[in-house]
Protein backbone atom coordinates (compact mmCIF):
# COMPACT_ATOMS: atom_id res chain seq x y z
CA MET A 1 -15.95 34.69 13.61
CA LYS A 2 -14.03 37.75 12.26
CA GLY A 3 -12.75 37.22 8.81
CA SER A 4 -15.52 34.03 8.26
CA SER A 5 -18.75 33.91 6.19
CA PRO A 6 -21.56 34.20 8.41
CA ALA A 7 -22.88 30.67 7.88
CA THR A 8 -19.64 28.85 8.60
CA ALA A 9 -19.13 30.31 11.57
CA ALA A 10 -21.03 28.36 14.10
CA PRO A 11 -24.29 27.09 12.75
CA GLN A 12 -24.91 23.91 15.05
CA THR A 13 -24.26 25.77 18.46
CA GLN A 14 -27.14 25.46 20.62
CA ALA A 15 -27.84 27.98 23.19
CA GLN A 16 -30.05 27.80 26.36
CA ALA A 17 -30.22 30.50 28.61
CA GLY A 18 -32.42 30.62 31.82
CA ALA A 19 -32.88 32.86 34.57
CA ALA A 20 -34.20 31.56 38.51
CA ALA A 21 -35.91 34.69 40.75
CA SER A 22 -36.32 34.80 44.70
CA SER A 23 -38.40 36.74 46.22
CA SER A 24 -35.63 39.37 47.18
CA THR A 25 -33.02 38.71 44.88
CA SER A 26 -32.51 37.61 40.65
CA THR A 27 -30.06 34.90 40.09
CA GLU A 28 -29.32 34.58 36.36
CA GLN A 29 -27.81 31.37 34.96
CA VAL A 30 -26.22 30.80 31.41
CA GLN A 31 -26.31 27.22 30.04
CA ALA A 32 -24.56 26.64 26.36
CA GLN A 33 -24.45 23.71 24.90
CA GLU A 34 -22.74 23.07 21.82
CA VAL A 35 -24.07 20.39 19.17
CA THR A 36 -21.28 20.34 16.97
CA VAL A 37 -17.82 21.52 18.49
CA GLY A 38 -15.84 23.16 15.98
CA LYS A 39 -12.32 23.41 15.72
CA GLY A 40 -11.59 26.70 14.35
CA ALA A 41 -11.02 29.81 16.03
CA SER A 42 -12.93 30.90 19.22
CA ALA A 43 -15.40 33.62 19.54
CA THR A 44 -14.10 36.56 21.02
CA PRO A 45 -15.42 39.66 21.69
CA GLY A 46 -15.68 41.50 18.24
CA SER A 47 -15.85 38.55 16.31
CA SER A 48 -19.03 38.42 13.79
CA VAL A 49 -20.82 35.28 14.70
CA SER A 50 -23.25 32.76 12.99
CA VAL A 51 -25.20 30.65 15.35
CA LEU A 52 -27.89 28.39 15.19
CA TYR A 53 -30.11 28.04 18.72
CA VAL A 54 -32.94 26.94 20.66
CA GLY A 55 -33.12 29.80 24.07
CA LYS A 56 -34.87 27.56 27.10
CA LEU A 57 -36.08 28.97 30.12
CA GLN A 58 -35.01 26.50 33.46
CA ASP A 59 -38.10 24.84 33.22
CA GLY A 60 -37.62 23.65 29.49
CA THR A 61 -39.96 26.14 28.03
CA VAL A 62 -38.64 27.00 24.79
CA PHE A 63 -38.47 31.20 24.42
CA ASP A 64 -37.00 31.16 20.92
CA SER A 65 -34.86 29.50 18.61
CA SER A 66 -33.72 29.41 15.15
CA ALA A 67 -36.62 26.76 13.72
CA ALA A 68 -38.69 29.31 14.60
CA HIS A 69 -37.28 32.25 12.27
CA ASN A 70 -37.20 29.12 9.19
CA ASN A 71 -33.90 27.72 10.30
CA GLN A 72 -31.75 30.97 9.37
CA PRO A 73 -28.59 31.00 12.22
CA LEU A 74 -28.63 34.71 14.16
CA THR A 75 -25.40 36.58 13.26
CA PHE A 76 -24.58 39.17 15.40
CA THR A 77 -21.30 40.69 16.31
CA LEU A 78 -20.18 39.31 19.58
CA GLY A 79 -20.06 42.00 22.54
CA SER A 80 -22.81 44.09 21.05
CA GLN A 81 -25.37 45.41 22.74
CA GLY A 82 -29.20 44.53 22.32
CA LEU A 83 -28.86 40.78 22.83
CA ILE A 84 -29.54 38.42 25.90
CA ALA A 85 -27.17 38.04 28.15
CA GLY A 86 -27.09 34.29 27.34
CA PHE A 87 -25.85 35.03 23.80
CA GLN A 88 -22.57 36.72 24.59
CA ILE A 89 -22.04 34.57 27.44
CA GLY A 90 -22.74 31.10 25.58
CA VAL A 91 -21.19 31.63 22.42
CA ASN A 92 -17.97 33.65 24.20
CA GLY A 93 -15.14 31.09 23.71
CA MET A 94 -16.80 28.45 21.78
CA LYS A 95 -14.93 27.54 18.16
CA GLU A 96 -15.65 27.94 14.19
CA ARG A 97 -16.62 24.50 12.74
CA ARG A 98 -15.02 24.10 9.81
């Protein structure tokens, strides 16, 4: 998180995102699962965070993961544009691992 080195911010976080669509409307659902719950500062908009993740659809299909990127954590500023909603919603409030 802000002021933390990216490699220690929340490296054991697994975020899952899914979307379900009906014939007339779309309902988005985001589920996040923390594999290791931190005890440090909470991630808030503007925090620099770093996560290991698995992104899944509701049917269990993996659409992206840190494993597919040589287990490199994804580092981003919470609240910045350009990321799927699942990261913005799922990581917000997670705590830093110390």
